[in-house]
Amino acid sequence: MNAFRSVAILAGLLATTTLAKAQDLRHRFVGKTPCAPELQTEHSDLSFRLDKTRDTELRYRNMGDIKVLLIVEFTHDGPPCGVIRDVVQIPRVTKDKHYEFRCFDAQAPTDVVVGTIVREYGNTKLMTAIDAWRIDLRLQRFVEDRHKVVCSADGWDGDNDGSDLVDEAKKYAAHGKPGQFDSN
């Protein structure tokens, strides 16, 4: 019984520490512009159009010791660089662990989902995400996804056709083939 109690206490402390780190990150980023001097980094950003109807994007930022993903909203009366609505950090960073933007949860096929993967360069095979978050588009927030999530690195070439990650999730749901984006 004492071993069970010790494990439960340790799990509780770990959860509290993780929640505190997430809240600290939110306090540090949310409501600010990604162009603020204190949020700049020597690494370049990577971004994807999240929801064109809400003029939002996902922006990856490597800040050296932490790797974060931001939901950035652009408004006509706001700063030209947009406003950060939410942030999530890669937990347990390793050298090759990175975000993937074509991830799918079969239990929520129309939701936009991002995950973390350790993938060798050139490998586009379907992989199960290590960590995953569903994006609540209405609240513009990341929500931890505890379902099995698969990610693909296939299909990011070609011209910008004006679509967004919401469109990609709808395409995926329409044919129900995990990780495949074409309807054939």
C-alpha atoms as a PDB file:
ATOM      1  CA  MET A   1       0.000   0.000   0.000  1.00  0.00           C
ATOM      2  CA  ASN A   2       2.888   2.375   0.793  1.00  0.00           C
ATOM      3  CA  ALA A   3       4.375   1.803  -2.698  1.00  0.00           C
ATOM      4  CA  PHE A   4       1.013   2.665  -4.285  1.00  0.00           C
ATOM      5  CA  ARG A   5       0.740   5.807  -2.154  1.00  0.00           C
ATOM      6  CA  SER A   6       4.309   6.855  -3.142  1.00  0.00           C
ATOM      7  CA  VAL A   7       3.549   6.367  -6.829  1.00  0.00           C
ATOM      8  CA  ALA A   8       0.314   8.359  -6.509  1.00  0.00           C
ATOM      9  CA  ILE A   9       2.107  11.220  -4.723  1.00  0.00           C
ATOM     10  CA  LEU A  10       4.898  11.248  -7.317  1.00  0.00           C
ATOM     11  CA  ALA A  11       2.362  11.297 -10.168  1.00  0.00           C
ATOM     12  CA  GLY A  12       0.512  14.160  -8.489  1.00  0.00           C
ATOM     13  CA  LEU A  13       3.716  16.174  -8.071  1.00  0.00           C
ATOM     14  CA  LEU A  14       4.674  15.565 -11.697  1.00  0.00           C
ATOM     15  CA  ALA A  15       1.230  16.654 -12.909  1.00  0.00           C
ATOM     16  CA  THR A  16       1.374  19.783 -10.735  1.00  0.00           C
ATOM     17  CA  THR A  17       4.851  20.667 -12.056  1.00  0.00           C
ATOM     18  CA  THR A  18       3.746  20.124 -15.676  1.00  0.00           C
ATOM     19  CA  LEU A  19       0.643  22.274 -15.149  1.00  0.00           C
ATOM     20  CA  ALA A  20       2.711  25.008 -13.502  1.00  0.00           C
ATOM     21  CA  LYS A  21       5.147  25.051 -16.458  1.00  0.00           C
ATOM     22  CA  ALA A  22       2.244  25.275 -18.935  1.00  0.00           C
ATOM     23  CA  GLN A  23       0.671  28.136 -16.970  1.00  0.00           C
ATOM     24  CA  ASP A  24       4.041  29.936 -16.828  1.00  0.00           C
ATOM     25  CA  LEU A  25       4.437  29.596 -20.590  1.00  0.00           C
ATOM     26  CA  ARG A  26       0.913  30.905 -21.153  1.00  0.00           C
ATOM     27  CA  HIS A  27       1.630  33.855 -18.874  1.00  0.00           C
ATOM     28  CA  ARG A  28       4.863  34.542 -20.753  1.00  0.00           C
ATOM     29  CA  PHE A  29       3.381  34.379 -24.279  1.00  0.00           C
ATOM     30  CA  VAL A  30      -0.432  34.715 -24.463  1.00  0.00           C
ATOM     31  CA  GLY A  31      -1.715  38.163 -25.381  1.00  0.00           C
ATOM     32  CA  LYS A  32       1.646  39.325 -26.696  1.00  0.00           C
ATOM     33  CA  THR A  33       2.732  39.827 -30.266  1.00  0.00           C
ATOM     34  CA  PRO A  34       5.197  37.257 -31.613  1.00  0.00           C
ATOM     35  CA  CYS A  35       7.300  40.225 -32.801  1.00  0.00           C
ATOM     36  CA  ALA A  36       7.953  41.441 -29.225  1.00  0.00           C
ATOM     37  CA  PRO A  37      11.724  41.763 -28.653  1.00  0.00           C
ATOM     38  CA  GLU A  38      11.698  39.379 -25.668  1.00  0.00           C
ATOM     39  CA  LEU A  39      10.154  36.653 -27.845  1.00  0.00           C
ATOM     40  CA  GLN A  40      12.690  36.859 -30.677  1.00  0.00           C
ATOM     41  CA  THR A  41      15.103  34.057 -31.439  1.00  0.00           C
ATOM     42  CA  GLU A  42      17.994  33.489 -33.803  1.00  0.00           C
ATOM     43  CA  HIS A  43      16.138  30.549 -35.373  1.00  0.00           C
ATOM     44  CA  SER A  44      13.603  31.130 -38.133  1.00  0.00           C
ATOM     45  CA  ASP A  45       9.907  30.443 -37.586  1.00  0.00           C
ATOM     46  CA  LEU A  46       7.799  27.904 -39.432  1.00  0.00           C
ATOM     47  CA  SER A  47       4.111  28.658 -39.835  1.00  0.00           C
ATOM     48  CA  PHE A  48       0.966  27.116 -41.297  1.00  0.00           C
ATOM     49  CA  ARG A  49      -2.405  28.740 -41.929  1.00  0.00           C
ATOM     50  CA  LEU A  50      -4.661  27.306 -39.236  1.00  0.00           C
ATOM     51  CA  ASP A  51      -8.109  28.762 -39.958  1.00  0.00           C
ATOM     52  CA  LYS A  52      -8.547  31.278 -42.759  1.00  0.00           C
ATOM     53  CA  THR A  53     -12.032  32.250 -41.511  1.00  0.00           C
ATOM     54  CA  ARG A  54     -10.529  33.440 -38.209  1.00  0.00           C
ATOM     55  CA  ASP A  55      -7.232  34.612 -39.737  1.00  0.00           C
ATOM     56  CA  THR A  56      -5.137  32.386 -37.474  1.00  0.00           C
ATOM     57  CA  GLU A  57      -1.936  30.470 -37.979  1.00  0.00           C
ATOM     58  CA  LEU A  58       0.196  27.957 -36.135  1.00  0.00           C
ATOM     59  CA  ARG A  59       3.735  29.190 -35.660  1.00  0.00           C
ATOM     60  CA  TYR A  60       6.620  27.022 -34.515  1.00  0.00           C
ATOM     61  CA  ARG A  61       9.396  28.776 -32.656  1.00  0.00           C
ATOM     62  CA  ASN A  62      12.665  27.152 -31.563  1.00  0.00           C
ATOM     63  CA  MET A  63      13.919  29.182 -28.618  1.00  0.00           C
ATOM     64  CA  GLY A  64      16.991  27.047 -28.003  1.00  0.00           C
ATOM     65  CA  ASP A  65      16.120  25.421 -24.692  1.00  0.00           C
ATOM     66  CA  ILE A  66      12.411  25.148 -25.496  1.00  0.00           C
ATOM     67  CA  LYS A  67      10.419  24.453 -28.660  1.00  0.00           C
ATOM     68  CA  VAL A  68       6.976  26.000 -28.703  1.00  0.00           C
ATOM     69  CA  LEU A  69       3.966  26.090 -30.976  1.00  0.00           C
ATOM     70  CA  LEU A  70       1.845  29.240 -30.969  1.00  0.00           C
ATOM     71  CA  ILE A  71      -1.686  29.983 -32.122  1.00  0.00           C
ATOM     72  CA  VAL A  72      -1.428  33.484 -33.596  1.00  0.00           C
ATOM     73  CA  GLU A  73      -4.479  35.558 -34.561  1.00  0.00           C
ATOM     74  CA  PHE A  74      -4.340  38.528 -36.913  1.00  0.00           C
ATOM     75  CA  THR A  75      -6.900  41.325 -36.608  1.00  0.00           C
ATOM     76  CA  HIS A  76      -7.351  44.572 -38.503  1.00  0.00           C
ATOM     77  CA  ASP A  77      -7.030  46.682 -35.361  1.00  0.00           C
ATOM     78  CA  GLY A  78      -4.277  44.618 -33.717  1.00  0.00           C
ATOM     79  CA  PRO A  79      -0.516  44.523 -34.152  1.00  0.00           C
ATOM     80  CA  PRO A  80       0.693  43.607 -37.668  1.00  0.00           C
ATOM     81  CA  CYS A  81       2.491  40.516 -36.330  1.00  0.00           C
ATOM     82  CA  GLY A  82      -0.700  39.239 -34.698  1.00  0.00           C
ATOM     83  CA  VAL A  83      -1.490  38.257 -31.123  1.00  0.00           C
ATOM     84  CA  ILE A  84      -0.585  34.966 -29.459  1.00  0.00           C
ATOM     85  CA  ARG A  85      -3.754  33.210 -28.285  1.00  0.00           C
ATOM     86  CA  ASP A  86      -2.193  30.024 -26.870  1.00  0.00           C
ATOM     87  CA  VAL A  87       1.093  28.181 -26.628  1.00  0.00           C
ATOM     88  CA  VAL A  88       2.231  24.612 -26.093  1.00  0.00           C
ATOM     89  CA  GLN A  89       5.734  23.313 -25.460  1.00  0.00           C
ATOM     90  CA  ILE A  90       7.309  20.041 -26.540  1.00  0.00           C
ATOM     91  CA  PRO A  91       7.595  18.062 -23.320  1.00  0.00           C
ATOM     92  CA  ARG A  92      10.776  16.077 -22.710  1.00  0.00           C
ATOM     93  CA  VAL A  93      12.773  17.655 -25.558  1.00  0.00           C
ATOM     94  CA  THR A  94      15.237  15.403 -27.352  1.00  0.00           C
ATOM     95  CA  LYS A  95      17.471  16.228 -30.284  1.00  0.00           C
ATOM     96  CA  ASP A  96      15.207  14.834 -33.030  1.00  0.00           C
ATOM     97  CA  LYS A  97      11.775  15.347 -31.452  1.00  0.00           C
ATOM     98  CA  HIS A  98       9.746  17.869 -33.416  1.00  0.00           C
ATOM     99  CA  TYR A  99       6.187  18.957 -34.188  1.00  0.00           C
ATOM    100  CA  GLU A 100       4.176  17.395 -37.009  1.00  0.00           C
ATOM    101  CA  PHE A 101       1.250  19.293 -38.489  1.00  0.00           C
ATOM    102  CA  ARG A 102      -0.551  16.519 -40.369  1.00  0.00           C
ATOM    103  CA  CYS A 103      -1.786  14.470 -37.458  1.00  0.00           C
ATOM    104  CA  PHE A 104      -5.121  12.737 -37.108  1.00  0.00           C
ATOM    105  CA  ASP A 105      -7.248  11.357 -34.337  1.00  0.00           C
ATOM    106  CA  ALA A 106      -9.658   8.741 -35.701  1.00  0.00           C
ATOM    107  CA  GLN A 107     -12.022   9.549 -32.806  1.00  0.00           C
ATOM    108  CA  ALA A 108     -12.158  13.232 -33.879  1.00  0.00           C
ATOM    109  CA  PRO A 109     -11.376  13.131 -37.622  1.00  0.00           C
ATOM    110  CA  THR A 110     -12.441  16.703 -38.450  1.00  0.00           C
ATOM    111  CA  ASP A 111     -10.383  18.291 -35.671  1.00  0.00           C
ATOM    112  CA  VAL A 112      -7.028  19.916 -36.361  1.00  0.00           C
ATOM    113  CA  VAL A 113      -4.434  17.935 -34.417  1.00  0.00           C
ATOM    114  CA  VAL A 114      -0.679  18.431 -34.006  1.00  0.00           C
ATOM    115  CA  GLY A 115       1.751  16.014 -32.457  1.00  0.00           C
ATOM    116  CA  THR A 116       5.381  15.368 -31.688  1.00  0.00           C
ATOM    117  CA  ILE A 117       7.422  12.745 -33.492  1.00  0.00           C
ATOM    118  CA  VAL A 118      10.987  11.521 -33.704  1.00  0.00           C
ATOM    119  CA  ARG A 119      11.441  11.005 -37.442  1.00  0.00           C
ATOM    120  CA  GLU A 120      14.528  10.579 -39.602  1.00  0.00           C
ATOM    121  CA  TYR A 121      14.922  13.047 -42.462  1.00  0.00           C
ATOM    122  CA  GLY A 122      13.152  11.792 -45.600  1.00  0.00           C
ATOM    123  CA  ASN A 123      10.874   9.347 -43.767  1.00  0.00           C
ATOM    124  CA  THR A 124       7.244  10.186 -44.598  1.00  0.00           C
ATOM    125  CA  LYS A 125       5.630   7.026 -43.196  1.00  0.00           C
ATOM    126  CA  LEU A 126       2.734   7.188 -40.775  1.00  0.00           C
ATOM    127  CA  MET A 127       3.920   7.307 -37.191  1.00  0.00           C
ATOM    128  CA  THR A 128       2.134   7.365 -33.864  1.00  0.00           C
ATOM    129  CA  ALA A 129       2.555  10.700 -32.086  1.00  0.00           C
ATOM    130  CA  ILE A 130       4.453  10.784 -28.811  1.00  0.00           C
ATOM    131  CA  ASP A 131       2.464  13.813 -27.581  1.00  0.00           C
ATOM    132  CA  ALA A 132      -0.590  15.326 -29.279  1.00  0.00           C
ATOM    133  CA  TRP A 133      -2.919  18.310 -28.987  1.00  0.00           C
ATOM    134  CA  ARG A 134      -6.281  18.981 -30.582  1.00  0.00           C
ATOM    135  CA  ILE A 135      -6.910  22.625 -31.402  1.00  0.00           C
ATOM    136  CA  ASP A 136     -10.143  24.078 -30.090  1.00  0.00           C
ATOM    137  CA  LEU A 137     -10.807  26.538 -32.926  1.00  0.00           C
ATOM    138  CA  ARG A 138     -13.568  28.407 -31.091  1.00  0.00           C
ATOM    139  CA  LEU A 139     -11.455  29.069 -27.993  1.00  0.00           C
ATOM    140  CA  GLN A 140      -8.173  29.180 -29.948  1.00  0.00           C
ATOM    141  CA  ARG A 141      -6.529  26.832 -27.454  1.00  0.00           C
ATOM    142  CA  PHE A 142      -4.496  23.646 -27.459  1.00  0.00           C
ATOM    143  CA  VAL A 143      -6.185  20.708 -25.718  1.00  0.00           C
ATOM    144  CA  GLU A 144      -4.115  17.655 -24.854  1.00  0.00           C
ATOM    145  CA  ASP A 145      -5.240  14.668 -26.943  1.00  0.00           C
ATOM    146  CA  ARG A 146      -4.882  11.329 -25.155  1.00  0.00           C
ATOM    147  CA  HIS A 147      -6.241   9.215 -28.036  1.00  0.00           C
ATOM    148  CA  LYS A 148      -4.007   7.389 -30.472  1.00  0.00           C
ATOM    149  CA  VAL A 149      -2.897  10.024 -32.975  1.00  0.00           C
ATOM    150  CA  VAL A 150      -1.055   9.256 -36.214  1.00  0.00           C
ATOM    151  CA  CYS A 151       1.075  11.758 -38.125  1.00  0.00           C
ATOM    152  CA  SER A 152       2.330  11.910 -41.676  1.00  0.00           C
ATOM    153  CA  ALA A 153       5.082  14.055 -43.197  1.00  0.00           C
ATOM    154  CA  ASP A 154       3.735  13.405 -46.696  1.00  0.00           C
ATOM    155  CA  GLY A 155       2.025  15.979 -48.878  1.00  0.00           C
ATOM    156  CA  TRP A 156       3.477  19.401 -48.032  1.00  0.00           C
ATOM    157  CA  ASP A 157       4.720  20.261 -51.502  1.00  0.00           C
ATOM    158  CA  GLY A 158       3.185  22.382 -54.221  1.00  0.00           C
ATOM    159  CA  ASP A 159       1.761  25.862 -54.550  1.00  0.00           C
ATOM    160  CA  ASN A 160      -0.161  27.641 -51.834  1.00  0.00           C
ATOM    161  CA  ASP A 161      -3.770  27.049 -52.854  1.00  0.00           C
ATOM    162  CA  GLY A 162      -5.270  29.153 -50.048  1.00  0.00           C
ATOM    163  CA  SER A 163      -6.347  26.173 -47.957  1.00  0.00           C
ATOM    164  CA  ASP A 164      -5.686  25.803 -44.241  1.00  0.00           C
ATOM    165  CA  LEU A 165      -5.306  23.044 -41.659  1.00  0.00           C
ATOM    166  CA  VAL A 166      -9.078  23.053 -41.118  1.00  0.00           C
ATOM    167  CA  ASP A 167      -9.532  22.191 -44.830  1.00  0.00           C
ATOM    168  CA  GLU A 168      -6.935  19.416 -44.539  1.00  0.00           C
ATOM    169  CA  ALA A 169      -8.763  17.888 -41.562  1.00  0.00           C
ATOM    170  CA  LYS A 170     -12.028  17.942 -43.538  1.00  0.00           C
ATOM    171  CA  LYS A 171     -10.347  16.221 -46.506  1.00  0.00           C
ATOM    172  CA  TYR A 172      -9.016  13.559 -44.181  1.00  0.00           C
ATOM    173  CA  ALA A 173     -12.407  12.972 -42.567  1.00  0.00           C
ATOM    174  CA  ALA A 174     -14.130  12.736 -45.960  1.00  0.00           C
ATOM    175  CA  HIS A 175     -12.271   9.581 -46.978  1.00  0.00           C
ATOM    176  CA  GLY A 176     -11.380   8.166 -43.554  1.00  0.00           C
ATOM    177  CA  LYS A 177      -7.990   6.766 -44.541  1.00  0.00           C
ATOM    178  CA  PRO A 178      -5.606   7.664 -41.685  1.00  0.00           C
ATOM    179  CA  GLY A 179      -2.664   9.685 -42.933  1.00  0.00           C
ATOM    180  CA  GLN A 180      -3.755   9.757 -46.567  1.00  0.00           C
ATOM    181  CA  PHE A 181      -4.692  13.092 -48.015  1.00  0.00           C
ATOM    182  CA  ASP A 182      -5.743  12.311 -51.556  1.00  0.00           C
ATOM    183  CA  SER A 183      -9.207  10.922 -52.202  1.00  0.00           C
ATOM    184  CA  ASN A 184      -7.887   8.167 -54.517  1.00  0.00           C
END
